[in-house]
Amino acid sequence: MLRVTAIDPGVVTMATGRVSMRGFHQRPNEALVVGQILDARVRLVEGGDDAVVVDAAIEPTRSRDWVVGRLAVRTRRHGLRRGPVQVLPWSAATGLTLTDRQGTEGLLAVFETMRAADVAAALAELPQKRQHEVIDGLDDERLADVFEELSEADQKELLAHLDAERAADVLGAMSPDDAADLLHELPGTESDALLALMEPDESAPVRRLMRYSSDTAGGLMTPEPIVLRPDATVAEALARIRNPDIPPALASMVFVCRPPSATPTGRYLGCAHAQRLLREAPFELVAGVLDTDLAQLSPDASLGEVTRYFAAYNLVAGPVVDGEEHLLGAVTVDDVLDHLLPPDWRDRLTDPDGPEGERDA
């Protein structure tokens, strides 16, 4: 659809001449306009009248996506009389969205195929009862991934639904920096109780992060960057950054330190950028390709300082080093953006200037 530049009554104009001839296979979270949406029964938000969908308008957005932005509906009347046709925004009718059409088991099956951020967005739109049913059905690891993508208000509300033992398990499965941010928002007695229920090796890095203000490099950093010893080879470094579980920003560089390798590490020696590693022979030592001139972030550096650091050096990750040259962690650009954006940015993922309540076609 991104190659479609215009749809006219007699022709569809595309940006390229190549068209995939592979057969269409409907995914669980998709609805067919012809066959499932047209002639479907809906209820109008304003007035609560029952209606039938008679047509749908597909419109382009500024990002060149195509969405079903408007519906033509005919209200249902008793007897032989037919109501008038109204053209309304998608959001003016209920009964067509994924959450309207799927039960809890169906939602869980669909959510298994979706990114955590998309699951979080869909979860936030569900009624509270359905939200609780869904999070009860997700395993701890998956729920932790979804929690990391929720707004702080939704995190606190859903965490309150979980019993203390499971809440601690979910916090333990979250990234330490995200878990620390969430615990910062809870009353002191509640956060202390949850930390006490977590496994010691999971709570220790979270406790270290909670010593710092959330708007400093120490509060923004993840304590689990890729750390190698100086005798590691380029091949070992490349193998570490290829790990699909490591976020792209964190995989952009590896940090070389004296033992111990767990943060806080031994003496920090420098970092090796992923691009440089790709240009070197696999058998070379990573210590030979270090960037030792890159400035380091202090754990007390303010959010403004961290932002200027990323802008000045064109980086997506940077080392956080204390006064004794121990690597404490790494700040990534996504954590910086998370704190620069308005608090409710996760609740406004759709373009506010686009058509109201539109859905992907």
Protein backbone atom coordinates (compact mmCIF):
# COMPACT_ATOMS: atom_id res chain seq x y z
CA MET A 1 0.00 0.00 0.00
CA LEU A 2 2.92 2.37 0.53
CA ARG A 3 3.55 2.30 -3.25
CA VAL A 4 0.03 3.48 -4.07
CA THR A 5 0.07 7.19 -4.90
CA ALA A 6 -3.57 7.64 -6.01
CA ILE A 7 -6.84 5.72 -6.33
CA ASP A 8 -9.23 6.97 -9.02
CA PRO A 9 -12.47 5.41 -10.36
CA GLY A 10 -10.70 3.92 -13.38
CA VAL A 11 -7.11 3.43 -12.28
CA VAL A 12 -4.80 2.81 -9.32
CA THR A 13 -1.51 4.73 -9.70
CA MET A 14 1.61 3.26 -8.11
CA ALA A 15 5.05 4.72 -7.47
CA THR A 16 6.73 1.64 -8.99
CA GLY A 17 5.78 -0.83 -11.69
CA ARG A 18 6.40 -3.95 -9.59
CA VAL A 19 3.45 -5.75 -8.07
CA SER A 20 3.70 -8.82 -5.83
CA MET A 21 1.71 -11.73 -7.29
CA ARG A 22 1.75 -13.75 -4.07
CA GLY A 23 -1.66 -14.85 -2.88
CA PHE A 24 -3.29 -12.94 -0.04
CA HIS A 25 -3.44 -14.67 3.35
CA GLN A 26 -5.53 -12.97 6.00
CA ARG A 27 -3.84 -12.60 9.39
CA PRO A 28 -5.76 -13.05 12.66
CA ASN A 29 -5.80 -9.31 13.45
CA GLU A 30 -7.06 -8.24 10.01
CA ALA A 31 -10.62 -7.62 8.82
CA LEU A 32 -11.72 -7.67 5.19
CA VAL A 33 -13.57 -4.56 4.03
CA VAL A 34 -15.53 -6.63 1.50
CA GLY A 35 -16.88 -9.63 3.37
CA GLN A 36 -16.49 -8.55 7.01
CA ILE A 37 -16.98 -4.78 7.29
CA LEU A 38 -19.53 -4.05 4.56
CA ASP A 39 -23.03 -5.07 5.72
CA ALA A 40 -21.72 -5.50 9.27
CA ARG A 41 -23.97 -4.39 12.11
CA VAL A 42 -22.60 -1.58 14.28
CA ARG A 43 -23.83 0.71 17.02
CA LEU A 44 -23.43 4.48 16.75
CA VAL A 45 -21.58 6.11 19.64
CA GLU A 46 -23.83 9.16 19.57
CA GLY A 47 -27.40 8.15 20.24
CA GLY A 48 -26.75 4.40 20.51
CA ASP A 49 -28.70 3.57 17.33
CA ASP A 50 -28.10 0.28 15.51
CA ALA A 51 -26.83 0.66 11.94
CA VAL A 52 -25.43 -1.31 9.00
CA VAL A 53 -22.19 -0.41 7.16
CA VAL A 54 -22.92 0.21 3.46
CA ASP A 55 -19.57 1.66 2.33
CA ALA A 56 -16.07 2.55 3.56
CA ALA A 57 -13.68 5.33 2.52
CA ILE A 58 -9.97 4.54 2.17
CA GLU A 59 -7.84 7.67 2.54
CA PRO A 60 -4.09 8.45 2.47
CA THR A 61 -2.33 9.98 5.48
CA ARG A 62 0.65 12.33 5.52
CA SER A 63 2.91 9.33 6.18
CA ARG A 64 1.66 7.74 2.92
CA ASP A 65 -0.21 4.99 4.76
CA TRP A 66 -3.76 4.19 3.65
CA VAL A 67 -6.46 3.94 6.29
CA VAL A 68 -10.17 3.29 6.51
CA GLY A 69 -11.03 6.73 7.88
CA ARG A 70 -14.81 7.02 7.28
CA LEU A 71 -17.82 4.75 7.12
CA ALA A 72 -21.17 5.16 5.37
CA VAL A 73 -23.83 3.64 7.61
CA ARG A 74 -27.59 3.27 7.35
CA THR A 75 -29.53 3.28 10.59
CA ARG A 76 -31.92 0.38 11.10
CA ARG A 77 -35.60 1.19 11.49
CA HIS A 78 -38.55 -0.99 12.41
CA GLY A 79 -40.80 -2.23 9.63
CA LEU A 80 -40.05 -1.64 5.95
CA ARG A 81 -38.69 1.88 6.36
CA ARG A 82 -34.97 2.34 5.79
CA GLY A 83 -33.07 5.01 7.63
CA PRO A 84 -30.91 7.64 5.92
CA VAL A 85 -27.24 7.01 5.03
CA GLN A 86 -24.74 8.89 7.18
CA VAL A 87 -21.00 9.32 6.55
CA LEU A 88 -19.17 9.20 9.87
CA PRO A 89 -15.59 8.87 11.18
CA TRP A 90 -14.52 5.31 11.99
CA SER A 91 -14.54 6.13 15.71
CA ALA A 92 -18.25 7.08 15.58
CA ALA A 93 -19.29 3.39 15.39
CA THR A 94 -18.51 0.45 17.65
CA GLY A 95 -18.46 -3.23 16.80
CA LEU A 96 -15.76 -3.31 14.11
CA THR A 97 -12.45 -3.11 15.96
CA LEU A 98 -10.37 -6.12 16.91
CA THR A 99 -11.34 -5.75 20.56
CA ASP A 100 -15.03 -5.54 19.66
CA ARG A 101 -14.92 -8.72 17.55
CA GLN A 102 -12.64 -10.95 19.63
CA GLY A 103 -13.15 -12.68 22.95
CA THR A 104 -10.30 -12.83 25.46
CA GLU A 105 -8.92 -16.09 24.08
CA GLY A 106 -9.03 -14.70 20.55
CA LEU A 107 -7.28 -11.52 21.68
CA LEU A 108 -4.50 -13.50 23.34
CA ALA A 109 -3.98 -15.49 20.14
CA VAL A 110 -3.80 -12.30 18.08
CA PHE A 111 -1.52 -10.54 20.58
CA GLU A 112 1.01 -13.37 20.21
CA THR A 113 1.58 -12.19 16.61
CA MET A 114 1.95 -8.48 17.47
CA ARG A 115 4.79 -6.29 18.69
CA ALA A 116 4.74 -5.41 22.38
CA ALA A 117 4.15 -1.72 21.60
CA ASP A 118 1.10 -2.59 19.47
CA VAL A 119 -0.25 -4.90 22.18
CA ALA A 120 0.16 -2.09 24.73
CA ALA A 121 -1.75 0.34 22.49
CA ALA A 122 -4.57 -2.19 21.98
CA LEU A 123 -4.63 -3.08 25.68
CA ALA A 124 -5.03 0.58 26.68
CA GLU A 125 -8.24 0.79 24.62
CA LEU A 126 -9.90 -2.22 26.26
CA PRO A 127 -12.47 -1.96 29.05
CA GLN A 128 -10.93 -2.52 32.47
CA LYS A 129 -12.51 -5.96 32.90
CA ARG A 130 -11.09 -7.15 29.56
CA GLN A 131 -7.68 -5.63 30.38
CA HIS A 132 -7.54 -7.70 33.57
CA GLU A 133 -8.55 -10.86 31.70
CA VAL A 134 -5.81 -10.30 29.11
CA ILE A 135 -2.97 -9.61 31.55
CA ASP A 136 -4.04 -12.63 33.60
CA GLY A 137 -3.65 -14.74 30.43
CA LEU A 138 -0.20 -13.43 29.41
CA ASP A 139 2.95 -15.08 30.75
CA ASP A 140 5.32 -13.00 32.88
CA GLU A 141 7.93 -12.41 30.16
CA ARG A 142 5.38 -11.25 27.60
CA LEU A 143 3.55 -9.11 30.15
CA ALA A 144 6.86 -7.49 31.13
CA ASP A 145 7.51 -6.56 27.48
CA VAL A 146 4.02 -5.03 27.25
CA PHE A 147 4.40 -3.16 30.55
CA GLU A 148 7.54 -1.47 29.23
CA GLU A 149 5.46 0.04 26.41
CA LEU A 150 2.57 1.30 28.56
CA SER A 151 2.18 4.81 29.94
CA GLU A 152 3.02 5.29 33.62
CA ALA A 153 -0.66 5.70 34.52
CA ASP A 154 -1.61 2.41 32.80
CA GLN A 155 1.38 0.64 34.37
CA LYS A 156 0.35 1.64 37.88
CA GLU A 157 -3.30 0.76 37.31
CA LEU A 158 -2.59 -2.69 35.90
CA LEU A 159 0.16 -3.46 38.41
CA ALA A 160 -2.38 -2.84 41.19
CA HIS A 161 -4.53 -5.64 39.73
CA LEU A 162 -1.72 -8.21 40.08
CA ASP A 163 -1.05 -9.93 43.38
CA ALA A 164 2.22 -8.96 45.02
CA GLU A 165 4.06 -12.16 44.05
CA ARG A 166 3.22 -11.89 40.36
CA ALA A 167 3.86 -8.13 40.31
CA ALA A 168 7.37 -8.81 41.63
CA ASP A 169 7.91 -11.52 38.98
CA VAL A 170 6.84 -9.13 36.19
CA LEU A 171 9.10 -6.37 37.53
CA GLY A 172 11.98 -8.87 37.62
CA ALA A 173 11.38 -9.72 33.96
CA MET A 174 11.37 -6.05 32.91
CA SER A 175 14.51 -4.15 31.94
CA PRO A 176 16.03 -2.80 35.19
CA ASP A 177 15.73 0.83 34.06
CA ASP A 178 12.04 0.41 33.19
CA ALA A 179 11.37 -1.41 36.46
CA ALA A 180 13.14 1.37 38.38
CA ASP A 181 11.06 4.04 36.62
CA LEU A 182 7.84 2.23 37.54
CA LEU A 183 8.87 1.68 41.17
CA HIS A 184 9.77 5.39 41.43
CA GLU A 185 6.10 6.15 40.75
CA LEU A 186 4.81 3.94 43.58
CA PRO A 187 4.59 4.83 47.28
CA GLY A 188 7.80 4.02 49.14
CA THR A 189 6.32 1.23 51.25
CA GLU A 190 4.82 -0.47 48.18
CA SER A 191 8.03 -0.27 46.11
CA ASP A 192 10.09 -1.56 49.06
CA ALA A 193 7.73 -4.52 49.48
CA LEU A 194 7.94 -5.42 45.79
CA LEU A 195 11.75 -5.12 45.80
CA ALA A 196 11.87 -7.48 48.78
CA LEU A 197 9.83 -10.06 46.85
CA MET A 198 12.07 -9.93 43.76
CA GLU A 199 14.99 -12.30 43.32
CA PRO A 200 18.21 -10.72 44.72
CA ASP A 201 20.01 -10.78 41.36
CA GLU A 202 17.02 -9.02 39.76
CA SER A 203 16.45 -6.42 42.48
CA ALA A 204 20.13 -5.44 42.92
CA PRO A 205 20.48 -3.51 39.60
CA VAL A 206 17.07 -1.92 40.12
CA ARG A 207 18.09 -0.70 43.59
CA ARG A 208 21.27 0.82 42.14
CA LEU A 209 19.30 2.72 39.52
CA MET A 210 16.82 4.01 42.08
CA ARG A 211 19.63 5.86 43.86
CA TYR A 212 19.69 8.33 40.99
CA SER A 213 17.09 10.85 39.92
CA SER A 214 15.07 9.62 36.92
CA ASP A 215 16.18 12.64 34.84
CA THR A 216 19.92 11.98 35.17
CA ALA A 217 22.22 9.67 33.20
CA GLY A 218 22.28 7.31 36.20
CA GLY A 219 18.50 7.10 36.25
CA LEU A 220 18.21 6.77 32.46
CA MET A 221 20.88 4.12 31.92
CA THR A 222 20.50 0.39 31.56
CA PRO A 223 22.94 -1.53 33.79
CA GLU A 224 23.15 -4.38 31.25
CA PRO A 225 25.16 -3.14 28.24
CA ILE A 226 27.42 -5.42 26.20
CA VAL A 227 30.68 -5.64 28.16
CA LEU A 228 33.77 -7.52 26.93
CA ARG A 229 37.24 -8.11 28.31
CA PRO A 230 40.19 -6.68 26.34
CA ASP A 231 41.30 -10.15 25.19
CA ALA A 232 37.97 -10.80 23.41
CA THR A 233 38.06 -11.06 19.61
CA VAL A 234 36.09 -9.09 17.04
CA ALA A 235 34.23 -12.31 16.24
CA GLU A 236 33.06 -12.55 19.86
CA ALA A 237 31.93 -8.93 19.81
CA LEU A 238 29.94 -9.43 16.59
CA ALA A 239 28.32 -12.54 18.02
CA ARG A 240 27.16 -10.53 21.05
CA ILE A 241 25.62 -7.70 19.05
CA ARG A 242 23.84 -10.18 16.76
CA ASN A 243 21.73 -11.34 19.70
CA PRO A 244 18.12 -10.55 18.64
CA ASP A 245 17.10 -9.93 22.27
CA ILE A 246 19.40 -6.90 22.50
CA PRO A 247 17.73 -3.62 21.42
CA PRO A 248 19.31 -2.07 18.27
CA ALA A 249 20.51 1.05 20.10
CA LEU A 250 22.29 -1.01 22.77
CA ALA A 251 23.84 -3.21 20.06
CA SER A 252 25.43 -0.20 18.35
CA MET A 253 28.59 -0.51 20.49
CA VAL A 254 30.35 -2.81 22.91
CA PHE A 255 32.22 -1.62 26.01
CA VAL A 256 35.62 -3.03 26.97
CA CYS A 257 36.57 -3.16 30.64
CA ARG A 258 38.91 -4.89 33.03
CA PRO A 259 37.28 -7.67 35.10
CA PRO A 260 34.72 -7.93 36.57
CA SER A 261 32.47 -7.63 33.52
CA ALA A 262 29.21 -7.13 35.41
CA THR A 263 28.37 -3.52 36.22
CA PRO A 264 29.89 -1.77 38.03
CA THR A 265 32.83 -3.16 36.12
CA GLY A 266 36.56 -2.97 36.50
CA ARG A 267 38.42 -0.09 34.85
CA TYR A 268 36.67 1.17 31.73
CA LEU A 269 39.03 1.08 28.70
CA GLY A 270 36.85 2.30 25.82
CA CYS A 271 34.14 1.29 23.38
CA ALA A 272 34.06 -0.35 19.96
CA HIS A 273 31.43 0.78 17.46
CA ALA A 274 29.51 -1.88 15.52
CA GLN A 275 30.46 -0.31 12.17
CA ARG A 276 34.16 -0.48 13.04
CA LEU A 277 33.83 -4.11 14.13
CA LEU A 278 32.31 -5.02 10.76
CA ARG A 279 35.41 -3.67 8.98
CA GLU A 280 37.91 -5.65 11.02
CA ALA A 281 39.14 -9.25 10.68
CA PRO A 282 37.26 -11.62 13.01
CA PHE A 283 40.48 -12.83 14.69
CA GLU A 284 41.62 -9.32 15.71
CA LEU A 285 41.39 -8.38 19.38
CA VAL A 286 38.61 -5.96 20.24
CA ALA A 287 41.10 -4.00 22.35
CA GLY A 288 42.83 -2.97 19.13
CA VAL A 289 39.79 -1.17 17.69
CA LEU A 290 38.72 0.82 20.72
CA ASP A 291 37.47 4.38 20.60
CA THR A 292 39.28 5.80 23.63
CA ASP A 293 38.57 9.45 22.80
CA LEU A 294 34.78 9.34 23.13
CA ALA A 295 33.58 11.45 26.03
CA GLN A 296 31.88 9.65 28.92
CA LEU A 297 28.73 10.51 30.80
CA SER A 298 28.74 11.04 34.55
CA PRO A 299 25.88 9.29 36.41
CA ASP A 300 24.81 12.72 37.71
CA ALA A 301 24.66 14.31 34.23
CA SER A 302 21.32 16.03 33.69
CA LEU A 303 18.85 15.15 30.95
CA GLY A 304 19.90 18.29 29.09
CA GLU A 305 23.56 17.26 29.22
CA VAL A 306 22.73 13.78 27.99
CA THR A 307 20.66 15.18 25.11
CA ARG A 308 23.48 17.51 24.03
CA TYR A 309 25.92 14.58 24.29
CA PHE A 310 23.94 12.49 21.80
CA ALA A 311 23.48 15.43 19.44
CA ALA A 312 27.17 16.41 19.56
CA TYR A 313 28.57 12.92 18.90
CA ASN A 314 25.78 11.53 16.64
CA LEU A 315 25.32 8.48 18.87
CA VAL A 316 22.45 6.21 19.86
CA ALA A 317 24.20 4.90 23.01
CA GLY A 318 26.79 6.24 25.40
CA PRO A 319 28.80 4.94 28.41
CA VAL A 320 28.06 6.05 31.97
CA VAL A 321 31.28 5.98 34.01
CA ASP A 322 31.83 6.97 37.64
CA GLY A 323 34.74 8.94 39.10
CA GLU A 324 36.78 5.79 39.66
CA GLU A 325 36.51 4.77 35.97
CA HIS A 326 34.01 1.96 36.54
CA LEU A 327 31.41 1.43 33.82
CA LEU A 328 27.99 1.69 35.48
CA GLY A 329 25.81 1.23 32.41
CA ALA A 330 24.82 2.81 29.12
CA VAL A 331 22.21 5.38 28.14
CA THR A 332 20.38 4.77 24.86
CA VAL A 333 18.60 7.34 22.72
CA ASP A 334 15.18 5.69 23.20
CA ASP A 335 15.42 6.29 26.96
CA VAL A 336 16.26 9.94 26.32
CA LEU A 337 13.31 10.37 23.95
CA ASP A 338 11.02 8.68 26.45
CA HIS A 339 11.82 11.41 28.99
CA LEU A 340 11.78 14.31 26.50
CA LEU A 341 8.33 13.51 25.13
CA PRO A 342 5.16 14.52 27.03
CA PRO A 343 4.16 12.07 29.78
CA ASP A 344 1.12 10.88 27.81
CA TRP A 345 2.93 10.33 24.49
CA ARG A 346 2.19 6.60 24.55
CA ASP A 347 -1.53 7.42 24.68
CA ARG A 348 -1.23 9.53 21.53
CA LEU A 349 0.66 7.23 19.15
CA THR A 350 -1.66 8.11 16.26
CA ASP A 351 -1.02 11.33 14.37
CA PRO A 352 -3.17 14.03 16.05
CA ASP A 353 -3.44 15.87 12.73
CA GLY A 354 -4.67 12.80 10.83
CA PRO A 355 -8.28 11.67 10.34
CA GLU A 356 -10.04 11.05 13.64
CA GLY A 357 -10.20 7.45 14.73
CA GLU A 358 -8.78 6.05 11.49
CA ARG A 359 -7.72 2.42 11.06
CA ASP A 360 -5.19 0.79 8.76
CA ALA A 361 -6.67 -0.48 5.54
